[in-house]
Amino acid sequence: MLPQPPPRFPRPPSGTAVFRARNMIRSQNRPRLFAYLVFGSVLLLLWLICLIPASAIADSRAQFLTYSGVGLILVVGVTTLVGELAARETRVLVRGNPLPADADPVRVAVAERLVADGMLGPDPGTNWLARILADQEARKVDVRFPRAWQAFLAATSVGVAVMTARTLVVEGLTPVTVPEVMVHSLIAVFCLWAAWRHPADAAGRRRRAEALSQAYDHHAAEGWHP
């Protein structure tokens, strides 16, 4: 059965959802620039923070400059690598049909919710945005390759668990290691839970996105613009 529009508009999206939608519009229209700015800013901030301990352990000004230069080279290299990979994935995601650069972030945020629900809304413009996002939802890496993503999460959980076990064996449970062990244990349990849940979640997301796409195309074929 094709989903039908609800009788009234969905409730307004949160400020966080609108902020996310605004950045999504920017990233889809300028994927390389956006990726470089985001990752470059984060890594540059980490580099600046690392200058504090580097100045403390350096024996001379020349050594400090060496540490700083090596760190800056790493920042540039990692930013380039991650930025290019992120830009490439964004281009695969949009496949020549990004969200309009002048799209209303509020409508995009509502459209995201419609895709998550698998239902059309009462506003034609928002439904059109939701139709674009529905295609993109099916192209996301974790939806395209659910088993591979599950394996990645499971491997991450095992890796963190091994690190935790090593800490317990080598250093034991002390006031210094307790916070580290607790944080690592929580991460391992969360990744394991996410790995267990992911295939079903990915299938549900794909199913709801396809339901919205089919409903939109069905109504458009009948001459009614949903």
N, C-alpha and C. Protein backbone atom coordinates (compact mmCIF):
# COMPACT_ATOMS: atom_id res chain seq x y z
N MET A 1 0.85 -1.20 0.00
CA MET A 1 0.00 0.00 0.00
C MET A 1 0.88 1.24 0.00
N LEU A 2 0.56 2.18 -0.89
CA LEU A 2 1.36 3.40 -0.99
C LEU A 2 1.04 4.33 0.17
N PRO A 3 2.08 4.88 0.83
CA PRO A 3 1.81 5.79 1.95
C PRO A 3 1.17 7.07 1.46
N GLN A 4 0.23 7.59 2.23
CA GLN A 4 -0.49 8.79 1.87
C GLN A 4 -0.03 9.96 2.73
N PRO A 5 -0.20 11.20 2.24
CA PRO A 5 0.20 12.37 3.04
C PRO A 5 -0.57 12.44 4.34
N PRO A 6 0.11 12.80 5.42
CA PRO A 6 -0.60 12.98 6.69
C PRO A 6 -1.52 14.20 6.63
N PRO A 7 -2.49 14.31 7.53
CA PRO A 7 -3.48 15.39 7.43
C PRO A 7 -2.93 16.76 7.78
N ARG A 8 -1.80 16.84 8.48
CA ARG A 8 -1.27 18.15 8.83
C ARG A 8 0.25 18.14 8.76
N PHE A 9 0.83 19.32 8.80
CA PHE A 9 2.28 19.43 8.70
C PHE A 9 2.96 18.77 9.90
N PRO A 10 4.13 18.18 9.68
CA PRO A 10 4.89 17.66 10.82
C PRO A 10 5.31 18.82 11.72
N ARG A 11 5.61 18.49 12.98
CA ARG A 11 6.04 19.54 13.90
C ARG A 11 7.36 20.14 13.43
N PRO A 12 7.63 21.40 13.74
CA PRO A 12 8.85 22.06 13.27
C PRO A 12 10.10 21.31 13.75
N PRO A 13 11.13 21.26 12.93
CA PRO A 13 12.36 20.56 13.31
C PRO A 13 13.13 21.34 14.37
N SER A 14 14.00 20.66 15.07
CA SER A 14 14.82 21.29 16.10
C SER A 14 15.92 22.14 15.47
N GLY A 15 16.53 22.98 16.28
CA GLY A 15 17.64 23.80 15.79
C GLY A 15 18.80 22.95 15.33
N THR A 16 19.05 21.83 16.02
CA THR A 16 20.13 20.92 15.62
C THR A 16 19.86 20.33 14.24
N ALA A 17 18.60 19.94 14.00
CA ALA A 17 18.24 19.36 12.70
C ALA A 17 18.39 20.39 11.58
N VAL A 18 18.03 21.64 11.85
CA VAL A 18 18.18 22.69 10.84
C VAL A 18 19.65 22.97 10.57
N PHE A 19 20.46 22.99 11.62
CA PHE A 19 21.91 23.19 11.46
C PHE A 19 22.52 22.08 10.60
N ARG A 20 22.12 20.84 10.87
CA ARG A 20 22.60 19.71 10.09
C ARG A 20 22.16 19.83 8.63
N ALA A 21 20.90 20.24 8.42
CA ALA A 21 20.39 20.39 7.05
C ALA A 21 21.15 21.48 6.30
N ARG A 22 21.45 22.59 6.98
CA ARG A 22 22.19 23.67 6.34
C ARG A 22 23.58 23.19 5.88
N ASN A 23 24.25 22.43 6.73
CA ASN A 23 25.56 21.92 6.37
C ASN A 23 25.47 20.84 5.28
N MET A 24 24.39 20.10 5.26
CA MET A 24 24.20 19.11 4.21
C MET A 24 24.08 19.79 2.85
N ILE A 25 23.33 20.88 2.81
CA ILE A 25 23.20 21.63 1.56
C ILE A 25 24.55 22.12 1.08
N ARG A 26 25.35 22.67 2.00
CA ARG A 26 26.67 23.17 1.63
C ARG A 26 27.58 22.04 1.15
N SER A 27 27.58 20.92 1.85
CA SER A 27 28.48 19.83 1.50
C SER A 27 28.12 19.21 0.16
N GLN A 28 26.83 19.16 -0.18
CA GLN A 28 26.44 18.55 -1.44
C GLN A 28 26.71 19.45 -2.64
N ASN A 29 26.75 20.75 -2.43
CA ASN A 29 26.98 21.66 -3.55
C ASN A 29 28.46 22.01 -3.72
N ARG A 30 29.24 21.95 -2.64
CA ARG A 30 30.69 22.16 -2.72
C ARG A 30 31.38 21.09 -1.87
N PRO A 31 31.36 19.85 -2.34
CA PRO A 31 31.84 18.75 -1.50
C PRO A 31 33.31 18.85 -1.12
N ARG A 32 34.17 19.21 -2.07
CA ARG A 32 35.60 19.27 -1.75
C ARG A 32 35.90 20.42 -0.80
N LEU A 33 35.37 21.60 -1.07
CA LEU A 33 35.62 22.76 -0.21
C LEU A 33 35.10 22.50 1.20
N PHE A 34 33.91 21.96 1.31
CA PHE A 34 33.32 21.72 2.62
C PHE A 34 34.14 20.70 3.41
N ALA A 35 34.54 19.61 2.74
CA ALA A 35 35.31 18.56 3.42
C ALA A 35 36.65 19.10 3.90
N TYR A 36 37.33 19.87 3.06
CA TYR A 36 38.63 20.43 3.45
C TYR A 36 38.48 21.39 4.63
N LEU A 37 37.45 22.22 4.59
CA LEU A 37 37.25 23.18 5.68
C LEU A 37 36.97 22.49 7.01
N VAL A 38 36.10 21.49 6.98
CA VAL A 38 35.72 20.81 8.23
C VAL A 38 36.89 20.03 8.80
N PHE A 39 37.46 19.13 8.00
CA PHE A 39 38.54 18.29 8.52
C PHE A 39 39.80 19.11 8.77
N GLY A 40 40.07 20.09 7.91
CA GLY A 40 41.24 20.93 8.11
C GLY A 40 41.14 21.74 9.40
N SER A 41 39.96 22.27 9.68
CA SER A 41 39.78 23.07 10.91
C SER A 41 39.97 22.22 12.15
N VAL A 42 39.40 21.01 12.15
CA VAL A 42 39.51 20.13 13.32
C VAL A 42 40.96 19.72 13.54
N LEU A 43 41.63 19.30 12.48
CA LEU A 43 43.02 18.84 12.62
C LEU A 43 43.95 19.98 12.96
N LEU A 44 43.69 21.16 12.43
CA LEU A 44 44.53 22.31 12.76
C LEU A 44 44.37 22.68 14.24
N LEU A 45 43.17 22.57 14.75
CA LEU A 45 42.96 22.84 16.18
C LEU A 45 43.71 21.82 17.04
N LEU A 46 43.66 20.54 16.64
CA LEU A 46 44.41 19.52 17.38
C LEU A 46 45.91 19.78 17.32
N TRP A 47 46.38 20.24 16.17
CA TRP A 47 47.81 20.55 16.02
C TRP A 47 48.20 21.68 16.98
N LEU A 48 47.39 22.71 17.06
CA LEU A 48 47.68 23.83 17.96
C LEU A 48 47.69 23.38 19.42
N ILE A 49 46.77 22.48 19.77
CA ILE A 49 46.74 21.97 21.14
C ILE A 49 47.99 21.15 21.44
N CYS A 50 48.43 20.36 20.44
CA CYS A 50 49.62 19.52 20.63
C CYS A 50 50.90 20.34 20.73
N LEU A 51 50.86 21.59 20.31
CA LEU A 51 52.06 22.44 20.44
C LEU A 51 52.41 22.69 21.91
N ILE A 52 51.43 22.63 22.78
CA ILE A 52 51.68 22.88 24.21
C ILE A 52 52.58 21.80 24.81
N PRO A 53 52.24 20.51 24.69
CA PRO A 53 53.18 19.50 25.21
C PRO A 53 54.47 19.43 24.41
N ALA A 54 54.41 19.75 23.10
CA ALA A 54 55.64 19.72 22.30
C ALA A 54 56.64 20.75 22.80
N SER A 55 56.15 21.91 23.22
CA SER A 55 57.06 22.93 23.74
C SER A 55 57.67 22.52 25.07
N ALA A 56 56.95 21.66 25.81
CA ALA A 56 57.45 21.23 27.12
C ALA A 56 58.52 20.15 27.00
N ILE A 57 58.38 19.26 25.98
CA ILE A 57 59.34 18.15 25.86
C ILE A 57 60.51 18.49 24.95
N ALA A 58 60.40 19.55 24.17
CA ALA A 58 61.50 19.92 23.27
C ALA A 58 62.67 20.49 24.08
N ASP A 59 63.88 20.05 23.72
CA ASP A 59 65.07 20.52 24.43
C ASP A 59 65.61 21.83 23.88
N SER A 60 65.20 22.17 22.66
CA SER A 60 65.70 23.40 22.05
C SER A 60 64.64 23.96 21.11
N ARG A 61 64.89 25.18 20.66
CA ARG A 61 63.96 25.82 19.73
C ARG A 61 63.92 25.06 18.40
N ALA A 62 65.08 24.57 17.96
CA ALA A 62 65.14 23.84 16.70
C ALA A 62 64.32 22.55 16.79
N GLN A 63 64.40 21.86 17.92
CA GLN A 63 63.63 20.63 18.09
C GLN A 63 62.14 20.92 18.11
N PHE A 64 61.75 22.01 18.78
CA PHE A 64 60.34 22.40 18.81
C PHE A 64 59.83 22.70 17.41
N LEU A 65 60.64 23.42 16.62
CA LEU A 65 60.23 23.72 15.25
C LEU A 65 60.13 22.46 14.41
N THR A 66 61.01 21.49 14.69
CA THR A 66 60.95 20.21 13.96
C THR A 66 59.65 19.48 14.27
N TYR A 67 59.33 19.38 15.58
CA TYR A 67 58.08 18.74 15.97
C TYR A 67 56.88 19.45 15.34
N SER A 68 56.91 20.77 15.38
CA SER A 68 55.79 21.55 14.84
C SER A 68 55.65 21.34 13.34
N GLY A 69 56.79 21.33 12.63
CA GLY A 69 56.75 21.15 11.18
C GLY A 69 56.24 19.78 10.78
N VAL A 70 56.73 18.74 11.49
CA VAL A 70 56.26 17.37 11.19
C VAL A 70 54.75 17.26 11.45
N GLY A 71 54.30 17.86 12.55
CA GLY A 71 52.87 17.82 12.85
C GLY A 71 52.05 18.54 11.80
N LEU A 72 52.56 19.68 11.34
CA LEU A 72 51.82 20.44 10.32
C LEU A 72 51.76 19.68 9.00
N ILE A 73 52.84 18.99 8.66
CA ILE A 73 52.84 18.18 7.44
C ILE A 73 51.81 17.05 7.55
N LEU A 74 51.74 16.44 8.73
CA LEU A 74 50.74 15.39 8.94
C LEU A 74 49.32 15.95 8.82
N VAL A 75 49.11 17.16 9.36
CA VAL A 75 47.79 17.79 9.27
C VAL A 75 47.40 18.00 7.81
N VAL A 76 48.32 18.53 7.02
CA VAL A 76 48.03 18.78 5.61
C VAL A 76 47.78 17.47 4.87
N GLY A 77 48.60 16.45 5.15
CA GLY A 77 48.45 15.17 4.47
C GLY A 77 47.14 14.48 4.80
N VAL A 78 46.81 14.42 6.10
CA VAL A 78 45.57 13.76 6.52
C VAL A 78 44.35 14.54 6.02
N THR A 79 44.43 15.88 6.06
CA THR A 79 43.31 16.69 5.56
C THR A 79 43.07 16.42 4.08
N THR A 80 44.15 16.34 3.31
CA THR A 80 44.02 16.07 1.87
C THR A 80 43.41 14.70 1.63
N LEU A 81 43.93 13.69 2.34
CA LEU A 81 43.44 12.32 2.14
C LEU A 81 41.98 12.19 2.53
N VAL A 82 41.65 12.61 3.75
CA VAL A 82 40.28 12.47 4.24
C VAL A 82 39.33 13.37 3.46
N GLY A 83 39.79 14.59 3.12
CA GLY A 83 38.95 15.50 2.35
C GLY A 83 38.59 14.95 0.99
N GLU A 84 39.56 14.36 0.31
CA GLU A 84 39.29 13.78 -1.02
C GLU A 84 38.36 12.58 -0.92
N LEU A 85 38.57 11.73 0.11
CA LEU A 85 37.70 10.57 0.28
C LEU A 85 36.27 11.01 0.59
N ALA A 86 36.14 12.02 1.47
CA ALA A 86 34.80 12.51 1.82
C ALA A 86 34.11 13.16 0.62
N ALA A 87 34.87 13.93 -0.16
CA ALA A 87 34.29 14.57 -1.34
C ALA A 87 33.85 13.54 -2.37
N ARG A 88 34.66 12.49 -2.52
CA ARG A 88 34.30 11.43 -3.47
C ARG A 88 33.03 10.72 -3.03
N GLU A 89 32.92 10.42 -1.74
CA GLU A 89 31.73 9.75 -1.23
C GLU A 89 30.49 10.64 -1.39
N THR A 90 30.66 11.95 -1.21
CA THR A 90 29.54 12.86 -1.39
C THR A 90 29.07 12.87 -2.84
N ARG A 91 30.03 12.87 -3.77
CA ARG A 91 29.65 12.84 -5.19
C ARG A 91 28.94 11.54 -5.55
N VAL A 92 29.37 10.42 -4.96
CA VAL A 92 28.67 9.15 -5.18
C VAL A 92 27.26 9.23 -4.60
N LEU A 93 27.15 9.88 -3.47
CA LEU A 93 25.86 9.98 -2.79
C LEU A 93 24.85 10.78 -3.61
N VAL A 94 25.26 11.95 -4.11
CA VAL A 94 24.31 12.82 -4.81
C VAL A 94 24.13 12.41 -6.27
N ARG A 95 25.18 11.85 -6.86
CA ARG A 95 25.13 11.36 -8.24
C ARG A 95 24.52 12.39 -9.19
N GLY A 96 25.04 13.62 -9.13
CA GLY A 96 24.61 14.67 -10.04
C GLY A 96 23.29 15.32 -9.69
N ASN A 97 22.70 14.95 -8.57
CA ASN A 97 21.41 15.53 -8.18
C ASN A 97 21.46 15.96 -6.72
N PRO A 98 22.24 16.99 -6.41
CA PRO A 98 22.34 17.45 -5.02
C PRO A 98 21.11 18.25 -4.62
N LEU A 99 21.01 18.50 -3.34
CA LEU A 99 19.98 19.44 -2.87
C LEU A 99 20.26 20.81 -3.48
N PRO A 100 19.24 21.57 -3.84
CA PRO A 100 19.47 22.91 -4.40
C PRO A 100 20.27 23.78 -3.42
N ALA A 101 21.16 24.59 -3.97
CA ALA A 101 21.99 25.44 -3.12
C ALA A 101 21.16 26.45 -2.34
N ASP A 102 20.00 26.83 -2.88
CA ASP A 102 19.16 27.81 -2.20
C ASP A 102 17.99 27.16 -1.45
N ALA A 103 18.10 25.86 -1.19
CA ALA A 103 17.02 25.17 -0.47
C ALA A 103 16.88 25.70 0.95
N ASP A 104 15.65 25.70 1.43
CA ASP A 104 15.36 26.14 2.79
C ASP A 104 15.79 25.05 3.77
N PRO A 105 16.74 25.33 4.69
CA PRO A 105 17.19 24.30 5.63
C PRO A 105 16.06 23.71 6.48
N VAL A 106 15.06 24.52 6.79
CA VAL A 106 13.94 24.00 7.58
C VAL A 106 13.18 22.94 6.79
N ARG A 107 12.93 23.22 5.51
CA ARG A 107 12.25 22.24 4.67
C ARG A 107 13.09 20.98 4.49
N VAL A 108 14.41 21.15 4.36
CA VAL A 108 15.28 20.00 4.21
C VAL A 108 15.25 19.14 5.48
N ALA A 109 15.23 19.79 6.63
CA ALA A 109 15.15 19.05 7.89
C ALA A 109 13.84 18.27 7.99
N VAL A 110 12.75 18.89 7.57
CA VAL A 110 11.46 18.19 7.56
C VAL A 110 11.49 17.05 6.55
N ALA A 111 12.11 17.28 5.40
CA ALA A 111 12.21 16.24 4.37
C ALA A 111 13.00 15.04 4.89
N GLU A 112 14.04 15.28 5.66
CA GLU A 112 14.79 14.18 6.27
C GLU A 112 13.89 13.32 7.14
N ARG A 113 13.02 13.98 7.90
CA ARG A 113 12.12 13.24 8.78
C ARG A 113 11.12 12.42 7.96
N LEU A 114 10.65 12.99 6.85
CA LEU A 114 9.72 12.26 5.99
C LEU A 114 10.38 11.00 5.43
N VAL A 115 11.65 11.12 5.03
CA VAL A 115 12.37 9.95 4.52
C VAL A 115 12.52 8.91 5.63
N ALA A 116 12.83 9.36 6.84
CA ALA A 116 12.97 8.42 7.96
C ALA A 116 11.66 7.71 8.28
N ASP A 117 10.52 8.41 8.04
CA ASP A 117 9.21 7.81 8.28
C ASP A 117 8.69 7.03 7.08
N GLY A 118 9.25 7.29 5.89
CA GLY A 118 8.77 6.61 4.69
C GLY A 118 7.43 7.10 4.21
N MET A 119 7.10 8.38 4.51
CA MET A 119 5.80 8.93 4.15
C MET A 119 5.94 10.32 3.55
N LEU A 120 5.04 10.65 2.62
CA LEU A 120 4.99 11.98 2.07
C LEU A 120 4.30 12.93 3.05
N GLY A 121 4.59 14.22 2.90
CA GLY A 121 3.94 15.24 3.70
C GLY A 121 2.98 16.05 2.86
N PRO A 122 2.36 17.06 3.43
CA PRO A 122 1.36 17.86 2.70
C PRO A 122 1.95 18.97 1.84
N ASP A 123 3.25 19.26 1.98
CA ASP A 123 3.86 20.36 1.24
C ASP A 123 4.60 19.84 0.02
N PRO A 124 4.21 20.25 -1.20
CA PRO A 124 4.86 19.72 -2.41
C PRO A 124 6.36 19.99 -2.47
N GLY A 125 6.78 21.20 -2.07
CA GLY A 125 8.20 21.52 -2.13
C GLY A 125 9.03 20.64 -1.20
N THR A 126 8.51 20.38 0.00
CA THR A 126 9.21 19.51 0.94
C THR A 126 9.23 18.07 0.44
N ASN A 127 8.13 17.64 -0.18
CA ASN A 127 8.09 16.28 -0.75
C ASN A 127 9.13 16.11 -1.86
N TRP A 128 9.32 17.15 -2.66
CA TRP A 128 10.33 17.09 -3.73
C TRP A 128 11.73 16.94 -3.13
N LEU A 129 12.00 17.68 -2.06
CA LEU A 129 13.30 17.54 -1.39
C LEU A 129 13.43 16.14 -0.78
N ALA A 130 12.34 15.63 -0.22
CA ALA A 130 12.37 14.29 0.37
C ALA A 130 12.63 13.24 -0.71
N ARG A 131 12.12 13.46 -1.92
CA ARG A 131 12.36 12.51 -3.02
C ARG A 131 13.85 12.47 -3.36
N ILE A 132 14.51 13.62 -3.35
CA ILE A 132 15.96 13.67 -3.60
C ILE A 132 16.70 12.94 -2.49
N LEU A 133 16.32 13.21 -1.25
CA LEU A 133 17.00 12.59 -0.11
C LEU A 133 16.75 11.09 -0.05
N ALA A 134 15.60 10.64 -0.52
CA ALA A 134 15.31 9.21 -0.50
C ALA A 134 16.27 8.45 -1.40
N ASP A 135 16.56 8.99 -2.58
CA ASP A 135 17.56 8.36 -3.45
C ASP A 135 18.93 8.33 -2.78
N GLN A 136 19.27 9.42 -2.12
CA GLN A 136 20.58 9.50 -1.46
C GLN A 136 20.67 8.54 -0.29
N GLU A 137 19.57 8.34 0.42
CA GLU A 137 19.57 7.42 1.56
C GLU A 137 19.95 6.01 1.13
N ALA A 138 19.46 5.60 -0.04
CA ALA A 138 19.74 4.25 -0.52
C ALA A 138 21.18 4.10 -0.99
N ARG A 139 21.88 5.23 -1.22
CA ARG A 139 23.27 5.18 -1.71
C ARG A 139 24.30 5.32 -0.59
N LYS A 140 23.86 5.54 0.64
CA LYS A 140 24.81 5.69 1.73
C LYS A 140 25.59 4.39 1.95
N VAL A 141 26.85 4.52 2.34
CA VAL A 141 27.73 3.36 2.46
C VAL A 141 27.16 2.31 3.39
N ASP A 142 26.66 2.74 4.55
CA ASP A 142 26.18 1.76 5.52
C ASP A 142 24.88 1.10 5.09
N VAL A 143 24.17 1.72 4.14
CA VAL A 143 22.95 1.10 3.61
C VAL A 143 23.28 0.23 2.40
N ARG A 144 24.22 0.67 1.57
CA ARG A 144 24.63 -0.13 0.41
C ARG A 144 25.34 -1.41 0.82
N PHE A 145 26.17 -1.33 1.85
CA PHE A 145 26.97 -2.49 2.27
C PHE A 145 26.75 -2.76 3.77
N PRO A 146 25.57 -3.21 4.13
CA PRO A 146 25.27 -3.40 5.56
C PRO A 146 26.15 -4.44 6.23
N ARG A 147 26.46 -5.54 5.53
CA ARG A 147 27.29 -6.58 6.14
C ARG A 147 28.72 -6.10 6.36
N ALA A 148 29.25 -5.35 5.38
CA ALA A 148 30.60 -4.82 5.53
C ALA A 148 30.66 -3.83 6.69
N TRP A 149 29.62 -2.99 6.81
CA TRP A 149 29.58 -2.03 7.91
C TRP A 149 29.45 -2.75 9.25
N GLN A 150 28.67 -3.84 9.26
CA GLN A 150 28.54 -4.64 10.48
C GLN A 150 29.89 -5.25 10.88
N ALA A 151 30.63 -5.74 9.87
CA ALA A 151 31.95 -6.31 10.15
C ALA A 151 32.90 -5.25 10.69
N PHE A 152 32.82 -4.04 10.14
CA PHE A 152 33.67 -2.94 10.62
C PHE A 152 33.37 -2.61 12.08
N LEU A 153 32.09 -2.52 12.42
CA LEU A 153 31.71 -2.23 13.80
C LEU A 153 32.14 -3.35 14.74
N ALA A 154 31.98 -4.59 14.31
CA ALA A 154 32.38 -5.73 15.13
C ALA A 154 33.90 -5.74 15.33
N ALA A 155 34.65 -5.45 14.26
CA ALA A 155 36.10 -5.41 14.37
C ALA A 155 36.55 -4.29 15.30
N THR A 156 35.86 -3.15 15.23
CA THR A 156 36.18 -2.05 16.14
C THR A 156 35.94 -2.45 17.59
N SER A 157 34.82 -3.15 17.83
CA SER A 157 34.51 -3.62 19.18
C SER A 157 35.58 -4.57 19.69
N VAL A 158 36.02 -5.50 18.85
CA VAL A 158 37.05 -6.45 19.25
C VAL A 158 38.37 -5.73 19.52
N GLY A 159 38.72 -4.78 18.65
CA GLY A 159 39.97 -4.04 18.84
C GLY A 159 40.00 -3.27 20.14
N VAL A 160 38.89 -2.61 20.46
CA VAL A 160 38.82 -1.85 21.72
C VAL A 160 38.86 -2.80 22.91
N ALA A 161 38.18 -3.95 22.79
CA ALA A 161 38.19 -4.93 23.88
C ALA A 161 39.61 -5.47 24.12
N VAL A 162 40.36 -5.70 23.05
CA VAL A 162 41.75 -6.16 23.18
C VAL A 162 42.59 -5.10 23.89
N MET A 163 42.41 -3.84 23.53
CA MET A 163 43.14 -2.75 24.20
C MET A 163 42.81 -2.71 25.69
N THR A 164 41.52 -2.91 26.00
CA THR A 164 41.11 -2.90 27.40
C THR A 164 41.73 -4.06 28.16
N ALA A 165 41.73 -5.25 27.55
CA ALA A 165 42.32 -6.42 28.20
C ALA A 165 43.82 -6.23 28.41
N ARG A 166 44.48 -5.62 27.43
CA ARG A 166 45.92 -5.38 27.58
C ARG A 166 46.19 -4.43 28.75
N THR A 167 45.38 -3.40 28.87
CA THR A 167 45.55 -2.46 29.99
C THR A 167 45.38 -3.17 31.32
N LEU A 168 44.39 -4.05 31.41
CA LEU A 168 44.14 -4.77 32.67
C LEU A 168 45.28 -5.73 33.00
N VAL A 169 45.83 -6.40 31.98
CA VAL A 169 46.89 -7.36 32.21
C VAL A 169 48.22 -6.67 32.55
N VAL A 170 48.54 -5.61 31.81
CA VAL A 170 49.83 -4.95 31.98
C VAL A 170 49.85 -4.02 33.19
N GLU A 171 48.80 -3.21 33.34
CA GLU A 171 48.81 -2.19 34.38
C GLU A 171 47.89 -2.51 35.55
N GLY A 172 46.92 -3.39 35.32
CA GLY A 172 45.99 -3.72 36.39
C GLY A 172 44.92 -2.66 36.56
N LEU A 173 44.03 -2.88 37.48
CA LEU A 173 42.93 -1.95 37.74
C LEU A 173 43.35 -1.00 38.86
N THR A 174 43.74 0.20 38.49
CA THR A 174 44.20 1.21 39.43
C THR A 174 43.34 2.46 39.28
N PRO A 175 43.46 3.40 40.23
CA PRO A 175 42.70 4.65 40.08
C PRO A 175 43.00 5.39 38.77
N VAL A 176 44.19 5.16 38.22
CA VAL A 176 44.55 5.81 36.96
C VAL A 176 43.90 5.12 35.77
N THR A 177 43.84 3.77 35.80
CA THR A 177 43.34 3.02 34.64
C THR A 177 41.81 2.81 34.67
N VAL A 178 41.17 3.01 35.82
CA VAL A 178 39.72 2.78 35.90
C VAL A 178 38.94 3.61 34.88
N PRO A 179 39.17 4.95 34.76
CA PRO A 179 38.41 5.71 33.74
C PRO A 179 38.65 5.20 32.32
N GLU A 180 39.92 4.87 32.01
CA GLU A 180 40.23 4.37 30.67
C GLU A 180 39.51 3.06 30.39
N VAL A 181 39.54 2.14 31.36
CA VAL A 181 38.89 0.84 31.19
C VAL A 181 37.38 1.01 31.04
N MET A 182 36.79 1.90 31.82
CA MET A 182 35.35 2.11 31.74
C MET A 182 34.95 2.68 30.38
N VAL A 183 35.69 3.69 29.91
CA VAL A 183 35.37 4.30 28.61
C VAL A 183 35.53 3.28 27.49
N HIS A 184 36.64 2.55 27.49
CA HIS A 184 36.88 1.55 26.44
C HIS A 184 35.83 0.44 26.48
N SER A 185 35.41 0.05 27.68
CA SER A 185 34.39 -1.00 27.79
C SER A 185 33.06 -0.52 27.22
N LEU A 186 32.70 0.73 27.51
CA LEU A 186 31.45 1.28 26.97
C LEU A 186 31.50 1.35 25.45
N ILE A 187 32.65 1.78 24.91
CA ILE A 187 32.79 1.86 23.45
C ILE A 187 32.66 0.48 22.83
N ALA A 188 33.32 -0.52 23.43
CA ALA A 188 33.27 -1.88 22.89
C ALA A 188 31.84 -2.43 22.91
N VAL A 189 31.12 -2.21 24.02
CA VAL A 189 29.75 -2.71 24.12
C VAL A 189 28.85 -1.99 23.12
N PHE A 190 29.03 -0.66 22.99
CA PHE A 190 28.19 0.09 22.05
C PHE A 190 28.43 -0.37 20.60
N CYS A 191 29.70 -0.55 20.22
CA CYS A 191 30.01 -1.00 18.85
C CYS A 191 29.46 -2.39 18.59
N LEU A 192 29.53 -3.26 19.60
CA LEU A 192 28.99 -4.61 19.44
C LEU A 192 27.47 -4.56 19.28
N TRP A 193 26.80 -3.72 20.08
CA TRP A 193 25.35 -3.57 19.96
C TRP A 193 24.97 -2.99 18.60
N ALA A 194 25.74 -1.99 18.14
CA ALA A 194 25.46 -1.37 16.85
C ALA A 194 25.66 -2.38 15.72
N ALA A 195 26.69 -3.22 15.83
CA ALA A 195 26.93 -4.24 14.81
C ALA A 195 25.77 -5.24 14.75
N TRP A 196 25.24 -5.59 15.91
CA TRP A 196 24.12 -6.53 15.95
C TRP A 196 22.86 -5.91 15.34
N ARG A 197 22.64 -4.63 15.59
CA ARG A 197 21.43 -3.95 15.13
C ARG A 197 21.50 -3.48 13.68
N HIS A 198 22.69 -3.29 13.15
CA HIS A 198 22.82 -2.54 11.90
C HIS A 198 22.11 -3.17 10.70
N PRO A 199 22.25 -4.47 10.40
CA PRO A 199 21.58 -5.00 9.20
C PRO A 199 20.09 -4.73 9.18
N ALA A 200 19.42 -4.92 10.31
CA ALA A 200 17.97 -4.66 10.35
C ALA A 200 17.68 -3.17 10.19
N ASP A 201 18.49 -2.32 10.82
CA ASP A 201 18.28 -0.88 10.69
C ASP A 201 18.48 -0.42 9.25
N ALA A 202 19.54 -0.92 8.61
CA ALA A 202 19.83 -0.54 7.22
C ALA A 202 18.71 -0.98 6.29
N ALA A 203 18.21 -2.20 6.51
CA ALA A 203 17.11 -2.70 5.67
C ALA A 203 15.85 -1.85 5.86
N GLY A 204 15.59 -1.45 7.10
CA GLY A 204 14.42 -0.60 7.36
C GLY A 204 14.57 0.77 6.72
N ARG A 205 15.74 1.35 6.79
CA ARG A 205 15.97 2.66 6.17
C ARG A 205 15.80 2.58 4.66
N ARG A 206 16.33 1.52 4.05
CA ARG A 206 16.17 1.34 2.61
C ARG A 206 14.70 1.16 2.25
N ARG A 207 13.99 0.37 3.02
CA ARG A 207 12.58 0.09 2.74
C ARG A 207 11.74 1.37 2.83
N ARG A 208 11.98 2.17 3.86
CA ARG A 208 11.20 3.41 4.01
C ARG A 208 11.54 4.43 2.92
N ALA A 209 12.83 4.51 2.54
CA ALA A 209 13.22 5.43 1.47
C ALA A 209 12.57 5.01 0.15
N GLU A 210 12.56 3.71 -0.13
CA GLU A 210 11.94 3.23 -1.37
C GLU A 210 10.43 3.45 -1.35
N ALA A 211 9.81 3.32 -0.17
CA ALA A 211 8.36 3.54 -0.07
C ALA A 211 8.03 4.99 -0.40
N LEU A 212 8.82 5.92 0.12
CA LEU A 212 8.56 7.33 -0.19
C LEU A 212 8.78 7.61 -1.67
N SER A 213 9.85 7.06 -2.25
CA SER A 213 10.12 7.28 -3.68
C SER A 213 8.98 6.75 -4.54
N GLN A 214 8.51 5.55 -4.22
CA GLN A 214 7.43 4.95 -5.00
C GLN A 214 6.14 5.75 -4.87
N ALA A 215 5.86 6.24 -3.66
CA ALA A 215 4.64 7.04 -3.47
C ALA A 215 4.72 8.34 -4.26
N TYR A 216 5.87 8.99 -4.22
CA TYR A 216 6.04 10.25 -4.95
C TYR A 216 5.90 10.02 -6.45
N ASP A 217 6.59 9.00 -6.97
CA ASP A 217 6.54 8.72 -8.41
C ASP A 217 5.14 8.30 -8.84
N HIS A 218 4.44 7.57 -7.97
CA HIS A 218 3.08 7.13 -8.29
C HIS A 218 2.14 8.33 -8.45
N HIS A 219 2.21 9.25 -7.50
CA HIS A 219 1.36 10.44 -7.57
C HIS A 219 1.76 11.35 -8.71
N ALA A 220 3.06 11.45 -8.98
CA ALA A 220 3.52 12.31 -10.08
C ALA A 220 3.07 11.73 -11.42
N ALA A 221 3.06 10.40 -11.55
CA ALA A 221 2.61 9.78 -12.79
C ALA A 221 1.12 10.01 -13.03
N GLU A 222 0.36 10.22 -11.97
CA GLU A 222 -1.08 10.49 -12.13
C GLU A 222 -1.37 11.95 -12.37
N GLY A 223 -0.32 12.76 -12.44
CA GLY A 223 -0.50 14.17 -12.70
C GLY A 223 -0.68 15.03 -11.47
N TRP A 224 -0.61 14.39 -10.28
CA TRP A 224 -0.72 15.16 -9.03
C TRP A 224 0.66 15.31 -8.45
N HIS A 225 1.04 16.52 -8.15
CA HIS A 225 2.36 16.77 -7.61
C HIS A 225 2.27 16.75 -6.09
N PRO A 226 2.77 15.68 -5.48
CA PRO A 226 2.62 15.53 -4.04
C PRO A 226 3.46 16.55 -3.27
